[in-house]
C-alpha cells in the first residue's frame, strides 16, 4: 500500500498525486485530444480504448461526477471498480455546463481538441448549447460524436436508453427466449459495450477522413440501430430474401442443446464445426458410421438437423469426465475448452501467461488489478499511461492549458461551476 498511502498523504496536504504511469509506450492515437462528456458505459468504454491507444482524454464531469464512479465494488467514495477501469488514461475536469461561464470554459477546451463526444439526447444537447452547429462554430474541423439511444430521424429519438432496454428492444432478450424458453438479458452490459465499439470505429474513421481532407463532421451512433444490426447479421436468415423464404433466426444458435455440455463431473465447451471435425467426433464416440448419415453428412444437412445433432453430443458427453473429454478432443484437434466462471479466469494458464490481469499500484487506491490491452501493435502498443483520477483531479491543470487564468478558475470554483 506504499504508493496508495503516499498518494493519500499528498492529497491531505492539498497536493495532486502524480497519476502518470512511467515508461508507457506511445499508442497509434498519440497526439489526438478528446473532450469526453459521456457517462456510464457506452461512451466511457469507447474513450477508455481511445485513451489506451494514446489519445489524450479530457473527461468533463458534472459536480456530482459520472454515476459510474458509484457503481460496484469500491474502497473509497467515487473510485469504484467501474471507474478505475473506464476512467483510466483520462483527466477529470469538473464543469457545470448549466452555467454560462462553464460553457465558455468548455468552448476553450474544444478549441484545442480533435474529438468532442457526448451521450445526451438530441434536445438536451441543444438546450445545453453543445449541439453540432454550436460546437463546430468553436472548432470547424472537430469530429463531433453523438452517442445516443436512438437515431435522430426516428420516432424514438428522445427516449432514454439503457443497456437492458436496448437488449430487449433490439432482440437479444427475445433470442434468449427462443433458445431457452424464457427471455433474459445477457449477464454483461452487451448493448453498451458493443455500441461503444461502434462509436470507437466511427470516431477513428472520421479522424481518418479529416486527416485526408481537413474536414470535421458529425458522427451519430445510436445504440438501438447498432445492436439491431449486430444481432441480425446472422439472424436475418429467411428474411434476407423478398419475398421471405422463412423467418428470422439462425437455427444453430437457437437450439436449446447449444450450451456447455454437462460431463460426468462438470462441464465442457466443445465445438465440432466442419466435416473433418464431425468425422473425428463420430469416431471418437465409437459411431463412425454417423458421418455418412444423410442428416449429418454436410454443413447444409447439419444446419437443418442441428437440434438432433447437438442432442446426440449432449448425451455422449455425460459418459466421461471434463478432463478426459478435453484430452480426447484436443488430441483429435476438435475445438474445445473448459467452461470458466469469471473468477476462474484469473487462474487460466493462457491469460496468466499473457499477463491479462496485471497488478498495479494506484496512487490513491493502493494495489489494484486492471485489464491489459487485448490487441497488440508492434510499433505503437499504447496501454496504461495514467491512472483513473478522483473527481476534478485535473480541473485546474486542464483549464490552465486551455488559457484560463488562475483568477478565472477561482471565479468558476466560487460559483460552483468547477471544482479543483
Protein backbone atom coordinates (compact mmCIF):
# COMPACT_ATOMS: atom_id res chain seq x y z
CA UNK A 1 0.00 0.00 0.00
CA UNK A 2 3.03 2.27 -0.05
CA UNK A 3 2.11 4.07 -3.29
CA UNK A 4 -1.52 4.47 -2.27
CA UNK A 5 -0.56 5.82 1.16
CA UNK A 6 1.84 8.32 -0.40
CA UNK A 7 -0.92 9.49 -2.71
CA UNK A 8 -3.31 9.91 0.21
CA UNK A 9 -0.69 11.92 2.10
CA UNK A 10 -0.26 14.22 -0.91
CA UNK A 11 -4.00 14.79 -1.12
CA UNK A 12 -4.20 15.51 2.59
CA UNK A 13 -1.56 18.23 2.05
CA UNK A 14 -3.68 19.69 -0.75
CA UNK A 15 -1.40 18.36 -3.48
CA UNK A 16 -2.48 16.43 -6.54
CA UNK A 17 -0.80 12.98 -6.53
CA UNK A 18 1.09 12.03 -9.66
CA UNK A 19 -1.26 9.90 -11.75
CA UNK A 20 1.14 9.28 -14.63
CA UNK A 21 2.45 5.76 -15.28
CA UNK A 22 6.09 5.95 -16.38
CA UNK A 23 7.53 4.26 -19.47
CA UNK A 24 4.21 3.54 -21.18
CA UNK A 25 4.90 3.24 -24.94
CA UNK A 26 3.12 5.58 -27.33
CA UNK A 27 -0.12 4.47 -28.92
CA UNK A 28 -1.27 4.96 -32.53
CA UNK A 29 -3.53 7.87 -31.48
CA UNK A 30 -0.78 9.73 -29.65
CA UNK A 31 -1.41 13.47 -30.07
CA UNK A 32 -5.19 13.20 -30.59
CA UNK A 33 -7.13 15.21 -27.99
CA UNK A 34 -10.66 14.18 -26.98
CA UNK A 35 -13.19 16.18 -24.96
CA UNK A 36 -15.38 13.47 -23.43
CA UNK A 37 -18.77 14.29 -21.87
CA UNK A 38 -20.02 10.69 -21.80
CA UNK A 39 -21.21 8.80 -18.72
CA UNK A 40 -21.97 5.26 -17.51
CA UNK A 41 -20.60 2.70 -20.07
CA UNK A 42 -21.46 3.27 -23.76
CA UNK A 43 -19.27 6.34 -24.27
CA UNK A 44 -16.74 5.78 -21.47
CA UNK A 45 -15.90 2.29 -22.83
CA UNK A 46 -15.12 3.86 -26.21
CA UNK A 47 -12.99 6.64 -24.74
CA UNK A 48 -11.22 4.15 -22.45
CA UNK A 49 -9.93 2.41 -25.58
CA UNK A 50 -9.11 5.72 -27.28
CA UNK A 51 -7.04 6.58 -24.20
CA UNK A 52 -5.29 3.22 -24.18
CA UNK A 53 -4.34 3.85 -27.79
CA UNK A 54 -2.66 7.13 -26.83
CA UNK A 55 -5.34 9.80 -27.22
CA UNK A 56 -5.43 12.47 -24.54
CA UNK A 57 -8.88 12.21 -22.92
CA UNK A 58 -10.34 15.15 -21.01
CA UNK A 59 -13.25 13.70 -19.07
CA UNK A 60 -15.69 16.56 -18.40
CA UNK A 61 -17.92 15.70 -15.45
CA UNK A 62 -20.75 17.48 -13.64
CA UNK A 63 -20.14 18.50 -9.99
CA UNK A 64 -21.65 15.21 -8.77
CA UNK A 65 -19.39 13.21 -11.11
CA UNK A 66 -20.11 10.40 -13.54
CA UNK A 67 -22.59 7.99 -11.93
CA UNK A 68 -20.19 5.19 -12.87
CA UNK A 69 -17.95 6.38 -10.03
CA UNK A 70 -20.52 4.94 -7.60
CA UNK A 71 -21.16 1.64 -9.40
CA UNK A 72 -19.96 -1.64 -7.89
CA UNK A 73 -17.12 -2.51 -5.53
CA UNK A 74 -15.15 0.37 -4.02
CA UNK A 75 -12.55 1.25 -1.39
CA UNK A 76 -13.31 4.95 -1.27
CA UNK A 77 -16.21 7.11 -2.46
CA UNK A 78 -16.21 7.98 -6.13
CA UNK A 79 -13.49 5.48 -7.03
CA UNK A 80 -15.45 2.34 -7.84
CA UNK A 81 -14.11 -0.65 -9.72
CA UNK A 82 -16.09 0.59 -12.72
CA UNK A 83 -14.39 3.99 -12.65
CA UNK A 84 -10.93 2.55 -12.05
CA UNK A 85 -11.34 0.70 -15.33
CA UNK A 86 -13.23 3.18 -17.52
CA UNK A 87 -11.59 6.26 -16.00
CA UNK A 88 -8.00 5.25 -16.68
CA UNK A 89 -5.97 7.29 -19.15
CA UNK A 90 -8.34 10.25 -18.62
CA UNK A 91 -8.03 13.58 -16.86
CA UNK A 92 -11.08 14.59 -14.83
CA UNK A 93 -12.36 18.16 -15.22
CA UNK A 94 -15.48 19.36 -13.42
CA UNK A 95 -17.70 21.80 -15.34
CA UNK A 96 -21.33 22.56 -14.51
CA UNK A 97 -22.48 23.17 -18.07
CA UNK A 98 -25.76 24.64 -16.87
CA UNK A 99 -23.72 27.75 -16.06
CA UNK A 100 -22.64 30.04 -18.90
CA UNK A 101 -19.06 30.55 -17.61
CA UNK A 102 -18.57 26.78 -17.58
CA UNK A 103 -19.78 26.53 -21.18
CA UNK A 104 -17.35 29.28 -22.11
CA UNK A 105 -14.57 27.25 -20.50
CA UNK A 106 -15.74 24.18 -22.44
CA UNK A 107 -15.52 26.11 -25.71
CA UNK A 108 -11.89 26.86 -24.94
CA UNK A 109 -11.19 23.17 -24.29
CA UNK A 110 -12.83 22.26 -27.60
CA UNK A 111 -10.77 24.85 -29.47
CA UNK A 112 -7.70 22.69 -28.79
CA UNK A 113 -9.41 19.32 -29.36
CA UNK A 114 -9.80 16.89 -32.24
CA UNK A 115 -12.86 15.00 -30.98
CA UNK A 116 -15.94 16.01 -28.99
CA UNK A 117 -18.17 13.17 -27.76
CA UNK A 118 -21.31 13.12 -25.60
CA UNK A 119 -24.20 10.74 -24.89
CA UNK A 120 -27.09 13.16 -24.38
CA UNK A 121 -30.42 13.06 -26.15
CA UNK A 122 -30.58 15.50 -29.08
CA UNK A 123 -32.91 18.05 -27.48
CA UNK A 124 -30.91 18.01 -24.23
CA UNK A 125 -27.68 18.71 -26.12
CA UNK A 126 -29.35 21.60 -27.95
CA UNK A 127 -30.76 23.09 -24.74
CA UNK A 128 -27.34 22.90 -23.14
CA UNK A 129 -25.71 24.58 -26.11
CA UNK A 130 -23.50 21.70 -27.20
CA UNK A 131 -25.27 20.71 -30.43
CA UNK A 132 -23.14 20.14 -33.51
CA UNK A 133 -23.64 23.58 -35.06
CA UNK A 134 -22.57 25.30 -31.85
CA UNK A 135 -19.52 23.09 -31.24
CA UNK A 136 -18.47 23.27 -34.90
CA UNK A 137 -18.51 27.07 -34.59
CA UNK A 138 -15.95 26.72 -31.77
CA UNK A 139 -13.79 24.32 -33.84
CA UNK A 140 -14.81 23.90 -37.50
CA UNK A 141 -12.81 20.71 -38.12
CA UNK A 142 -13.99 18.97 -34.93
CA UNK A 143 -15.08 15.32 -35.10
CA UNK A 144 -18.36 15.58 -33.20
CA UNK A 145 -19.70 12.22 -32.00
CA UNK A 146 -23.20 11.86 -30.57
CA UNK A 147 -23.65 8.54 -28.75
CA UNK A 148 -27.41 8.24 -28.45
CA UNK A 149 -30.04 5.62 -27.68
CA UNK A 150 -31.87 6.04 -30.97
CA UNK A 151 -31.23 7.75 -34.29
CA UNK A 152 -32.36 11.36 -34.55
CA UNK A 153 -34.51 10.61 -37.62
CA UNK A 154 -36.83 8.14 -35.89
CA UNK A 155 -39.79 8.49 -33.51
CA UNK A 156 -37.77 7.14 -30.54
CA UNK A 157 -35.11 9.86 -30.81
CA UNK A 158 -35.84 11.49 -27.45
CA UNK A 159 -36.39 8.31 -25.44
CA UNK A 160 -33.93 7.43 -22.67
CA UNK A 161 -31.90 4.29 -23.37
CA UNK A 162 -30.06 1.89 -21.08
CA UNK A 163 -28.42 -1.44 -21.77
CA UNK A 164 -31.30 -3.63 -20.56
CA UNK A 165 -33.85 -1.67 -22.59
CA UNK A 166 -31.81 -1.95 -25.78
CA UNK A 167 -31.14 -5.66 -25.23
CA UNK A 168 -34.89 -6.15 -25.05
CA UNK A 169 -35.89 -3.83 -27.87
CA UNK A 170 -33.18 -4.94 -30.32
CA UNK A 171 -33.88 -8.67 -29.98
CA UNK A 172 -31.25 -10.00 -27.56
CA UNK A 173 -33.69 -10.95 -24.80
CA UNK A 174 -36.04 -12.43 -27.38
CA UNK A 175 -33.25 -14.62 -28.76
CA UNK A 176 -32.65 -15.97 -25.26
CA UNK A 177 -36.37 -16.74 -25.10
CA UNK A 178 -36.29 -18.58 -28.42
CA UNK A 179 -33.30 -20.65 -27.30
CA UNK A 180 -34.06 -21.27 -23.63
CA UNK A 181 -37.79 -20.75 -23.29
CA UNK A 182 -37.56 -17.59 -21.20
CA UNK A 183 -36.42 -14.10 -22.29
CA UNK A 184 -33.31 -12.99 -20.42
CA UNK A 185 -30.75 -10.21 -20.58
CA UNK A 186 -27.14 -11.18 -21.23
CA UNK A 187 -25.18 -11.04 -17.92
CA UNK A 188 -22.91 -8.31 -19.29
CA UNK A 189 -23.68 -4.80 -20.50
CA UNK A 190 -23.59 -6.11 -24.04
CA UNK A 191 -25.53 -3.31 -25.73
CA UNK A 192 -23.47 -0.55 -24.11
CA UNK A 193 -20.07 -2.10 -24.80
CA UNK A 194 -20.85 -3.28 -28.32
CA UNK A 195 -22.25 0.16 -29.17
CA UNK A 196 -19.08 1.60 -27.64
CA UNK A 197 -17.07 -0.33 -30.22
CA UNK A 198 -19.28 1.08 -32.99
CA UNK A 199 -18.61 4.54 -31.54
CA UNK A 200 -14.89 3.82 -31.45
CA UNK A 201 -14.66 2.85 -35.12
CA UNK A 202 -16.92 5.74 -36.16
CA UNK A 203 -14.66 8.27 -34.43
CA UNK A 204 -11.46 6.78 -35.82
CA UNK A 205 -12.95 6.63 -39.34
CA UNK A 206 -13.96 10.28 -39.08
CA UNK A 207 -10.45 11.15 -37.90
CA UNK A 208 -9.06 9.31 -40.92
CA UNK A 209 -11.35 11.31 -43.20
CA UNK A 210 -10.22 14.53 -41.53
CA UNK A 211 -6.59 13.51 -41.96
CA UNK A 212 -7.17 13.17 -45.71
CA UNK A 213 -9.45 16.18 -46.29
CA UNK A 214 -9.15 18.53 -43.31
CA UNK A 215 -12.92 18.27 -42.79
CA UNK A 216 -14.60 17.65 -39.48
CA UNK A 217 -18.09 16.14 -39.33
CA UNK A 218 -20.89 14.97 -37.11
CA UNK A 219 -21.00 11.25 -36.33
CA UNK A 220 -24.18 9.78 -34.87
CA UNK A 221 -24.01 6.36 -33.17
CA UNK A 222 -27.43 5.10 -31.93
CA UNK A 223 -27.49 2.04 -29.65
CA UNK A 224 -30.77 0.61 -30.92
CA UNK A 225 -29.69 0.57 -34.55
CA UNK A 226 -26.19 -0.66 -33.69
CA UNK A 227 -27.42 -3.65 -31.70
CA UNK A 228 -30.18 -4.49 -34.18
CA UNK A 229 -27.52 -4.50 -36.91
CA UNK A 230 -25.12 -6.54 -34.76
CA UNK A 231 -27.66 -9.24 -33.88
CA UNK A 232 -29.38 -9.50 -37.24
CA UNK A 233 -26.14 -10.10 -39.14
CA UNK A 234 -26.60 -13.86 -38.76
CA UNK A 235 -30.26 -13.89 -37.73
CA UNK A 236 -31.72 -12.37 -40.93
CA UNK A 237 -31.83 -15.85 -42.49
CA UNK A 238 -35.09 -16.31 -44.45
CA UNK A 239 -35.95 -12.62 -44.14
CA UNK A 240 -32.90 -11.84 -46.28
CA UNK A 241 -34.99 -12.61 -49.35
CA UNK A 242 -38.05 -10.91 -50.79
CA UNK A 243 -40.49 -12.44 -50.57
CA UNK A 244 -39.21 -14.12 -47.36
CA UNK A 245 -38.29 -17.80 -47.60
CA UNK A 246 -38.56 -18.24 -43.83
CA UNK A 247 -38.48 -16.40 -40.53
CA UNK A 248 -35.60 -14.55 -38.94
CA UNK A 249 -33.40 -16.61 -36.61
CA UNK A 250 -30.33 -18.81 -37.10
CA UNK A 251 -31.31 -22.32 -36.04
CA UNK A 252 -27.85 -23.45 -34.86
CA UNK A 253 -27.75 -20.65 -32.30
CA UNK A 254 -31.32 -21.18 -31.10
CA UNK A 255 -31.37 -24.89 -30.27
CA UNK A 256 -31.69 -25.47 -26.51
CA UNK A 257 -28.88 -28.03 -26.82
CA UNK A 258 -26.34 -25.31 -27.73
CA UNK A 259 -24.71 -24.79 -24.35
CA UNK A 260 -21.75 -26.01 -22.33
CA UNK A 261 -22.23 -29.78 -22.17
CA UNK A 262 -22.60 -31.50 -18.79
CA UNK A 263 -19.95 -34.17 -18.28
CA UNK A 264 -19.55 -36.86 -15.64
CA UNK A 265 -18.09 -34.29 -13.22
CA UNK A 266 -18.66 -30.80 -14.63
CA UNK A 267 -18.99 -29.06 -17.98
CA UNK A 268 -17.05 -28.80 -21.20
CA UNK A 269 -17.25 -26.48 -24.21
CA UNK A 270 -16.95 -28.43 -27.47
CA UNK A 271 -17.46 -27.13 -30.98
CA UNK A 272 -17.17 -29.65 -33.83
CA UNK A 273 -17.98 -27.50 -36.86
CA UNK A 274 -16.70 -28.60 -40.25
CA UNK A 275 -16.84 -32.01 -41.95
CA UNK A 276 -13.44 -33.07 -40.63
CA UNK A 277 -14.38 -32.18 -37.05
CA UNK A 278 -17.58 -34.19 -37.18
CA UNK A 279 -15.94 -37.23 -38.78
CA UNK A 280 -13.36 -37.26 -35.98
CA UNK A 281 -16.02 -36.71 -33.32
CA UNK A 282 -18.18 -39.58 -34.54
CA UNK A 283 -15.10 -41.83 -34.50
CA UNK A 284 -14.25 -40.60 -31.00
CA UNK A 285 -17.64 -41.66 -29.66
CA UNK A 286 -17.45 -45.05 -31.38
CA UNK A 287 -20.05 -44.29 -34.09
CA UNK A 288 -18.02 -43.54 -37.25
CA UNK A 289 -20.95 -44.58 -39.44
CA UNK A 290 -22.81 -41.44 -38.39
CA UNK A 291 -20.50 -39.40 -40.66
CA UNK A 292 -22.41 -40.94 -43.56
CA UNK A 293 -25.86 -40.27 -42.09
CA UNK A 294 -27.63 -38.03 -44.60
CA UNK A 295 -28.77 -35.81 -41.71
CA UNK A 296 -25.20 -35.01 -40.69
CA UNK A 297 -23.01 -35.58 -43.76
CA UNK A 298 -22.83 -31.95 -44.96
CA UNK A 299 -22.89 -28.47 -43.47
CA UNK A 300 -26.30 -27.76 -45.00
CA UNK A 301 -27.75 -31.01 -43.66
CA UNK A 302 -26.32 -30.42 -40.18
CA UNK A 303 -27.84 -26.94 -40.17
CA UNK A 304 -31.26 -28.42 -40.90
CA UNK A 305 -30.88 -31.10 -38.20
CA UNK A 306 -28.82 -29.20 -35.66
CA UNK A 307 -31.18 -29.84 -32.76
CA UNK A 308 -30.93 -33.62 -33.15
CA UNK A 309 -27.17 -33.44 -33.70
CA UNK A 310 -26.47 -31.38 -30.58
CA UNK A 311 -28.75 -33.67 -28.56
CA UNK A 312 -26.55 -36.62 -29.53
CA UNK A 313 -23.43 -34.72 -28.49
CA UNK A 314 -25.03 -33.85 -25.16
CA UNK A 315 -25.86 -37.49 -24.40
CA UNK A 316 -22.31 -38.64 -25.20
CA UNK A 317 -20.65 -36.01 -23.04
CA UNK A 318 -22.14 -37.45 -19.86
CA UNK A 319 -20.06 -40.61 -20.31
CA UNK A 320 -16.64 -39.07 -19.48
CA UNK A 321 -15.16 -36.52 -17.12
CA UNK A 322 -14.35 -32.99 -18.20
CA UNK A 323 -10.61 -33.71 -18.11
CA UNK A 324 -10.99 -36.85 -20.18
CA UNK A 325 -13.06 -35.03 -22.79
CA UNK A 326 -10.62 -32.13 -23.04
CA UNK A 327 -7.72 -34.52 -23.59
CA UNK A 328 -9.58 -36.58 -26.18
CA UNK A 329 -10.94 -33.59 -28.09
CA UNK A 330 -7.58 -31.80 -28.12
CA UNK A 331 -5.85 -34.95 -29.43
CA UNK A 332 -8.45 -35.14 -32.21
CA UNK A 333 -7.96 -31.40 -32.97
CA UNK A 334 -11.64 -30.69 -32.31
CA UNK A 335 -12.23 -27.17 -30.93
CA UNK A 336 -12.85 -27.37 -27.19
CA UNK A 337 -12.15 -25.64 -23.91
CA UNK A 338 -13.07 -25.51 -20.24
CA UNK A 339 -16.14 -23.63 -19.04
CA UNK A 340 -14.72 -20.89 -16.85
CA UNK A 341 -16.53 -18.66 -14.41
CA UNK A 342 -15.33 -15.03 -14.21
CA UNK A 343 -13.44 -15.88 -11.02
CA UNK A 344 -11.65 -18.78 -12.73
CA UNK A 345 -10.32 -16.51 -15.49
CA UNK A 346 -7.68 -15.19 -13.07
CA UNK A 347 -6.17 -18.70 -12.93
CA UNK A 348 -6.47 -19.55 -16.62
CA UNK A 349 -2.95 -20.57 -17.74
CA UNK A 350 -3.12 -18.74 -21.05
CA UNK A 351 -4.40 -15.49 -19.52
CA UNK A 352 -1.76 -15.74 -16.81
CA UNK A 353 0.96 -16.25 -19.42
CA UNK A 354 -0.07 -13.16 -21.42
CA UNK A 355 -0.44 -11.05 -18.25
CA UNK A 356 -4.13 -10.31 -18.78
CA UNK A 357 -4.83 -9.02 -15.28
CA UNK A 358 -1.67 -7.28 -14.04
CA UNK A 359 -1.44 -5.81 -10.55
CA UNK A 360 -0.57 -2.12 -10.44
CA UNK A 361 -0.13 0.41 -7.66
CA UNK A 362 -2.73 3.17 -7.82
CA UNK A 363 -1.59 6.48 -6.29
CA UNK A 364 -4.72 6.87 -4.13
CA UNK A 365 -6.39 3.45 -4.10
CA UNK A 366 -3.38 1.23 -3.45
CA UNK A 367 -2.78 -2.09 -5.23
CA UNK A 368 -5.42 -2.91 -7.84
CA UNK A 369 -5.78 -5.20 -10.82
CA UNK A 370 -6.50 -3.87 -14.27
CA UNK A 371 -7.01 -5.42 -17.70
CA UNK A 372 -4.26 -5.28 -20.30
CA UNK A 373 -4.96 -4.00 -23.79
CA UNK A 374 -6.02 -7.20 -25.59
CA UNK A 375 -4.76 -6.20 -29.05
CA UNK A 376 -1.13 -5.57 -29.90
CA UNK A 377 0.76 -3.20 -32.19
CA UNK A 378 4.39 -3.89 -32.99
CA UNK A 379 5.26 -0.19 -33.16
CA UNK A 380 2.66 1.68 -31.05
CA UNK A 381 1.16 -0.64 -28.42
CA UNK A 382 -0.13 2.02 -26.02
CA UNK A 383 -1.52 0.85 -22.68
CA UNK A 384 -1.95 2.26 -19.18
CA UNK A 385 -0.26 5.65 -19.05
CA UNK A 386 -2.45 7.41 -16.49
CA UNK A 387 -4.41 6.12 -13.53
CA UNK A 388 -8.10 6.91 -13.04
CA UNK A 389 -8.44 10.16 -11.10
CA UNK A 390 -10.64 11.37 -8.33
CA UNK A 391 -13.33 13.83 -9.37
CA UNK A 392 -11.84 17.08 -10.64
CA UNK A 393 -8.29 15.83 -10.26
CA UNK A 394 -7.12 17.72 -13.34
CA UNK A 395 -9.60 20.62 -13.44
CA UNK A 396 -7.10 23.36 -12.77
CA UNK A 397 -4.28 21.94 -14.90
CA UNK A 398 -6.50 21.39 -17.94
CA UNK A 399 -8.21 24.77 -17.66
CA UNK A 400 -4.82 26.48 -17.42
CA UNK A 401 -3.76 24.62 -20.57
CA UNK A 402 -6.91 25.97 -22.26
CA UNK A 403 -5.79 29.51 -21.46
CA UNK A 404 -7.81 30.34 -18.35
CA UNK A 405 -6.05 32.34 -15.68
CA UNK A 406 -5.93 31.33 -12.04
CA UNK A 407 -8.33 34.19 -11.28
CA UNK A 408 -10.84 32.92 -13.87
CA UNK A 409 -10.60 29.40 -12.48
CA UNK A 410 -11.07 30.68 -8.93
CA UNK A 411 -14.23 32.53 -10.00
CA UNK A 412 -15.56 29.36 -11.65
CA UNK A 413 -14.89 27.42 -8.47
CA UNK A 414 -16.52 30.04 -6.27
CA UNK A 415 -19.62 29.90 -8.45
CA UNK A 416 -19.72 26.10 -8.21
CA UNK A 417 -19.09 25.79 -11.96
CA UNK A 418 -15.94 23.74 -11.37
CA UNK A 419 -14.06 22.07 -8.55
CA UNK A 420 -10.34 21.50 -8.36
